[in-house]
Amino acid sequence: MRNMGKRFDQMPLDSTPFVTPPPLAESTVALITSAGLHRRDDRPFRFADQGYRVIPSDIDPADLVQTQVSVNFDRTHYQRDVNVVLPIDRLRELADAGEIGAVSVYHYSVLGSNPNPALMKDAAADLAQRLHDSGVHCAMLTPV
């Protein structure tokens, strides 16, 4: 895996933005999964898809479809419990317990088997802006 990762162009980081987020108990949290999930009526993910899909927080898990294109991906556990790849119920439990301030209205999914993640630079910038504009203080990445 390390050798495969060396083939990808890395995005240079000219500077590190610094922010002081509120305490988690006051923060709105979003999920970003690399499971290739999307709503049934969304455009499916395709090989090397560089975009993302929006998942409403109140979606019925039965309305989610997974079009992860990796042949190595095991869908069994996701089909039994969406929380394996999108831990929305666990996030709600944290909010109910006061551990986090709120659950974001929207969550996001990308294709984890993208052969060159550096090509997602524009989509990542757009997604970051969406998170900011919707008042999200932090995002939990759930790699698959």
C-alpha atoms as a PDB file:
ATOM      1  CA  MET A   1       0.000   0.000   0.000  1.00  0.00           C
ATOM      2  CA  ARG A   2       2.851   2.371   0.811  1.00  0.00           C
ATOM      3  CA  ASN A   3       4.386   1.870  -2.642  1.00  0.00           C
ATOM      4  CA  MET A   4       1.008   2.374  -4.303  1.00  0.00           C
ATOM      5  CA  GLY A   5       0.528   5.621  -2.365  1.00  0.00           C
ATOM      6  CA  LYS A   6       3.864   6.918  -3.646  1.00  0.00           C
ATOM      7  CA  ARG A   7       2.461   6.909  -7.195  1.00  0.00           C
ATOM      8  CA  PHE A   8      -0.083   9.600  -6.383  1.00  0.00           C
ATOM      9  CA  ASP A   9       0.579  13.277  -6.679  1.00  0.00           C
ATOM     10  CA  GLN A  10       0.289  14.925  -3.300  1.00  0.00           C
ATOM     11  CA  MET A  11      -1.382  18.285  -2.903  1.00  0.00           C
ATOM     12  CA  PRO A  12       1.126  20.820  -1.601  1.00  0.00           C
ATOM     13  CA  LEU A  13       0.066  22.631   1.544  1.00  0.00           C
ATOM     14  CA  ASP A  14       1.486  26.139   1.460  1.00  0.00           C
ATOM     15  CA  SER A  15       0.240  26.960   4.915  1.00  0.00           C
ATOM     16  CA  THR A  16      -1.749  25.411   7.697  1.00  0.00           C
ATOM     17  CA  PRO A  17      -4.977  27.240   8.496  1.00  0.00           C
ATOM     18  CA  PHE A  18      -5.450  27.634  12.195  1.00  0.00           C
ATOM     19  CA  VAL A  19      -8.812  27.881  13.847  1.00  0.00           C
ATOM     20  CA  THR A  20      -9.895  27.456  17.407  1.00  0.00           C
ATOM     21  CA  PRO A  21     -13.043  25.355  17.278  1.00  0.00           C
ATOM     22  CA  PRO A  22     -15.586  25.488  20.074  1.00  0.00           C
ATOM     23  CA  PRO A  23     -15.550  22.640  22.606  1.00  0.00           C
ATOM     24  CA  LEU A  24     -17.075  19.436  21.220  1.00  0.00           C
ATOM     25  CA  ALA A  25     -20.050  19.852  23.547  1.00  0.00           C
ATOM     26  CA  GLU A  26     -20.849  23.033  21.584  1.00  0.00           C
ATOM     27  CA  SER A  27     -19.821  21.826  18.122  1.00  0.00           C
ATOM     28  CA  THR A  28     -21.907  20.721  15.171  1.00  0.00           C
ATOM     29  CA  VAL A  29     -20.413  17.549  13.702  1.00  0.00           C
ATOM     30  CA  ALA A  30     -20.750  16.114  10.185  1.00  0.00           C
ATOM     31  CA  LEU A  31     -19.732  12.729   8.816  1.00  0.00           C
ATOM     32  CA  ILE A  32     -17.699  12.173   5.669  1.00  0.00           C
ATOM     33  CA  THR A  33     -17.473   8.564   4.524  1.00  0.00           C
ATOM     34  CA  SER A  34     -15.424   7.037   1.735  1.00  0.00           C
ATOM     35  CA  ALA A  35     -17.917   4.185   1.321  1.00  0.00           C
ATOM     36  CA  GLY A  36     -19.403   5.421  -1.959  1.00  0.00           C
ATOM     37  CA  LEU A  37     -22.856   5.862  -0.400  1.00  0.00           C
ATOM     38  CA  HIS A  38     -25.558   7.987  -1.987  1.00  0.00           C
ATOM     39  CA  ARG A  39     -29.301   8.451  -2.086  1.00  0.00           C
ATOM     40  CA  ARG A  40     -31.115   6.039  -4.358  1.00  0.00           C
ATOM     41  CA  ASP A  41     -32.022   8.851  -6.794  1.00  0.00           C
ATOM     42  CA  ASP A  42     -28.481  10.322  -6.919  1.00  0.00           C
ATOM     43  CA  ARG A  43     -25.991   9.712  -9.686  1.00  0.00           C
ATOM     44  CA  PRO A  44     -24.041   6.513  -8.891  1.00  0.00           C
ATOM     45  CA  PHE A  45     -20.314   6.685  -8.259  1.00  0.00           C
ATOM     46  CA  ARG A  46     -18.171   5.554 -11.180  1.00  0.00           C
ATOM     47  CA  PHE A  47     -14.516   4.583 -11.390  1.00  0.00           C
ATOM     48  CA  ALA A  48     -12.266   7.552 -10.513  1.00  0.00           C
ATOM     49  CA  ASP A  49     -15.286   9.685  -9.552  1.00  0.00           C
ATOM     50  CA  GLN A  50     -13.924  12.941  -8.172  1.00  0.00           C
ATOM     51  CA  GLY A  51     -17.110  14.274  -6.638  1.00  0.00           C
ATOM     52  CA  TYR A  52     -19.103  13.777  -3.492  1.00  0.00           C
ATOM     53  CA  ARG A  53     -22.714  13.059  -2.651  1.00  0.00           C
ATOM     54  CA  VAL A  54     -24.868  14.750  -0.025  1.00  0.00           C
ATOM     55  CA  ILE A  55     -26.630  12.576   2.547  1.00  0.00           C
ATOM     56  CA  PRO A  56     -29.380  14.209   4.628  1.00  0.00           C
ATOM     57  CA  SER A  57     -29.101  13.473   8.338  1.00  0.00           C
ATOM     58  CA  ASP A  58     -32.675  12.198   8.510  1.00  0.00           C
ATOM     59  CA  ILE A  59     -32.358   9.747   5.601  1.00  0.00           C
ATOM     60  CA  ASP A  60     -33.839   6.298   5.993  1.00  0.00           C
ATOM     61  CA  PRO A  61     -30.913   3.841   5.610  1.00  0.00           C
ATOM     62  CA  ALA A  62     -33.102   1.870   3.177  1.00  0.00           C
ATOM     63  CA  ASP A  63     -32.850   4.866   0.834  1.00  0.00           C
ATOM     64  CA  LEU A  64     -29.042   4.624   0.704  1.00  0.00           C
ATOM     65  CA  VAL A  65     -27.242   2.791  -2.075  1.00  0.00           C
ATOM     66  CA  GLN A  66     -23.582   1.917  -2.217  1.00  0.00           C
ATOM     67  CA  THR A  67     -21.800   2.063  -5.542  1.00  0.00           C
ATOM     68  CA  GLN A  68     -18.274   1.520  -4.248  1.00  0.00           C
ATOM     69  CA  VAL A  69     -16.384   0.264  -7.294  1.00  0.00           C
ATOM     70  CA  SER A  70     -13.489  -1.535  -5.591  1.00  0.00           C
ATOM     71  CA  VAL A  71     -13.600  -5.276  -6.187  1.00  0.00           C
ATOM     72  CA  ASN A  72     -11.963  -5.728  -2.779  1.00  0.00           C
ATOM     73  CA  PHE A  73     -14.819  -4.066  -0.911  1.00  0.00           C
ATOM     74  CA  ASP A  74     -17.004  -6.255   1.311  1.00  0.00           C
ATOM     75  CA  ARG A  75     -20.567  -4.892   1.435  1.00  0.00           C
ATOM     76  CA  THR A  76     -21.844  -7.480   3.923  1.00  0.00           C
ATOM     77  CA  HIS A  77     -21.405  -5.418   7.073  1.00  0.00           C
ATOM     78  CA  TYR A  78     -22.814  -2.214   5.561  1.00  0.00           C
ATOM     79  CA  GLN A  79     -25.899  -4.108   4.459  1.00  0.00           C
ATOM     80  CA  ARG A  80     -26.459  -5.264   8.043  1.00  0.00           C
ATOM     81  CA  ASP A  81     -25.764  -1.913   9.714  1.00  0.00           C
ATOM     82  CA  VAL A  82     -25.166   1.417   7.972  1.00  0.00           C
ATOM     83  CA  ASN A  83     -23.269   2.604  11.073  1.00  0.00           C
ATOM     84  CA  VAL A  84     -20.310   0.489   9.983  1.00  0.00           C
ATOM     85  CA  VAL A  85     -19.587   3.031   7.230  1.00  0.00           C
ATOM     86  CA  LEU A  86     -21.736   6.019   8.263  1.00  0.00           C
ATOM     87  CA  PRO A  87     -22.034   6.025  12.076  1.00  0.00           C
ATOM     88  CA  ILE A  88     -25.055   8.330  12.140  1.00  0.00           C
ATOM     89  CA  ASP A  89     -26.756   6.573  15.051  1.00  0.00           C
ATOM     90  CA  ARG A  90     -23.577   6.791  17.142  1.00  0.00           C
ATOM     91  CA  LEU A  91     -23.327  10.512  16.322  1.00  0.00           C
ATOM     92  CA  ARG A  92     -26.935  11.032  17.446  1.00  0.00           C
ATOM     93  CA  GLU A  93     -26.165   9.203  20.683  1.00  0.00           C
ATOM     94  CA  LEU A  94     -23.227  11.555  21.296  1.00  0.00           C
ATOM     95  CA  ALA A  95     -25.509  14.553  20.728  1.00  0.00           C
ATOM     96  CA  ASP A  96     -28.180  13.120  23.050  1.00  0.00           C
ATOM     97  CA  ALA A  97     -25.544  12.578  25.739  1.00  0.00           C
ATOM     98  CA  GLY A  98     -24.265  16.142  25.384  1.00  0.00           C
ATOM     99  CA  GLU A  99     -20.838  14.989  24.177  1.00  0.00           C
ATOM    100  CA  ILE A 100     -21.288  17.016  20.971  1.00  0.00           C
ATOM    101  CA  GLY A 101     -23.443  20.065  20.418  1.00  0.00           C
ATOM    102  CA  ALA A 102     -25.405  18.926  17.374  1.00  0.00           C
ATOM    103  CA  VAL A 103     -25.507  16.589  14.411  1.00  0.00           C
ATOM    104  CA  SER A 104     -25.130  18.305  11.050  1.00  0.00           C
ATOM    105  CA  VAL A 105     -28.183  18.450   8.814  1.00  0.00           C
ATOM    106  CA  TYR A 106     -26.078  16.969   5.971  1.00  0.00           C
ATOM    107  CA  HIS A 107     -23.300  14.399   5.712  1.00  0.00           C
ATOM    108  CA  TYR A 108     -21.137  13.523   2.715  1.00  0.00           C
ATOM    109  CA  SER A 109     -19.787  10.549   0.849  1.00  0.00           C
ATOM    110  CA  VAL A 110     -16.888  10.134  -1.566  1.00  0.00           C
ATOM    111  CA  LEU A 111     -15.515   7.195  -3.488  1.00  0.00           C
ATOM    112  CA  GLY A 112     -12.726   5.691  -1.390  1.00  0.00           C
ATOM    113  CA  SER A 113     -11.167   3.700  -4.197  1.00  0.00           C
ATOM    114  CA  ASN A 114     -10.268   6.765  -6.226  1.00  0.00           C
ATOM    115  CA  PRO A 115      -6.957   6.012  -7.988  1.00  0.00           C
ATOM    116  CA  ASN A 116      -5.694   9.589  -7.554  1.00  0.00           C
ATOM    117  CA  PRO A 117      -7.162  11.482  -4.573  1.00  0.00           C
ATOM    118  CA  ALA A 118      -5.158  14.611  -5.478  1.00  0.00           C
ATOM    119  CA  LEU A 119      -7.595  15.112  -8.375  1.00  0.00           C
ATOM    120  CA  MET A 120     -10.369  15.735  -5.824  1.00  0.00           C
ATOM    121  CA  LYS A 121      -8.907  19.124  -4.905  1.00  0.00           C
ATOM    122  CA  ASP A 122     -11.803  21.153  -6.366  1.00  0.00           C
ATOM    123  CA  ALA A 123     -14.470  18.901  -4.891  1.00  0.00           C
ATOM    124  CA  ALA A 124     -12.717  18.993  -1.502  1.00  0.00           C
ATOM    125  CA  ALA A 125     -12.645  22.805  -1.569  1.00  0.00           C
ATOM    126  CA  ASP A 126     -16.345  22.910  -2.460  1.00  0.00           C
ATOM    127  CA  LEU A 127     -17.176  20.418   0.281  1.00  0.00           C
ATOM    128  CA  ALA A 128     -15.158  22.406   2.832  1.00  0.00           C
ATOM    129  CA  GLN A 129     -17.099  25.533   1.873  1.00  0.00           C
ATOM    130  CA  ARG A 130     -20.419  23.687   2.270  1.00  0.00           C
ATOM    131  CA  LEU A 131     -19.382  22.496   5.714  1.00  0.00           C
ATOM    132  CA  HIS A 132     -18.384  26.010   6.712  1.00  0.00           C
ATOM    133  CA  ASP A 133     -21.533  27.620   5.315  1.00  0.00           C
ATOM    134  CA  SER A 134     -23.784  25.142   7.127  1.00  0.00           C
ATOM    135  CA  GLY A 135     -22.173  25.853  10.503  1.00  0.00           C
ATOM    136  CA  VAL A 136     -20.263  22.604  10.881  1.00  0.00           C
ATOM    137  CA  HIS A 137     -17.385  22.945  13.336  1.00  0.00           C
ATOM    138  CA  CYS A 138     -15.781  19.568  12.759  1.00  0.00           C
ATOM    139  CA  ALA A 139     -16.143  16.550  10.513  1.00  0.00           C
ATOM    140  CA  MET A 140     -15.543  12.940  11.386  1.00  0.00           C
ATOM    141  CA  LEU A 141     -13.931  11.044   8.539  1.00  0.00           C
ATOM    142  CA  THR A 142     -14.962   7.409   8.302  1.00  0.00           C
ATOM    143  CA  PRO A 143     -12.567   5.718   5.879  1.00  0.00           C
ATOM    144  CA  VAL A 144     -13.728   2.489   4.328  1.00  0.00           C
END
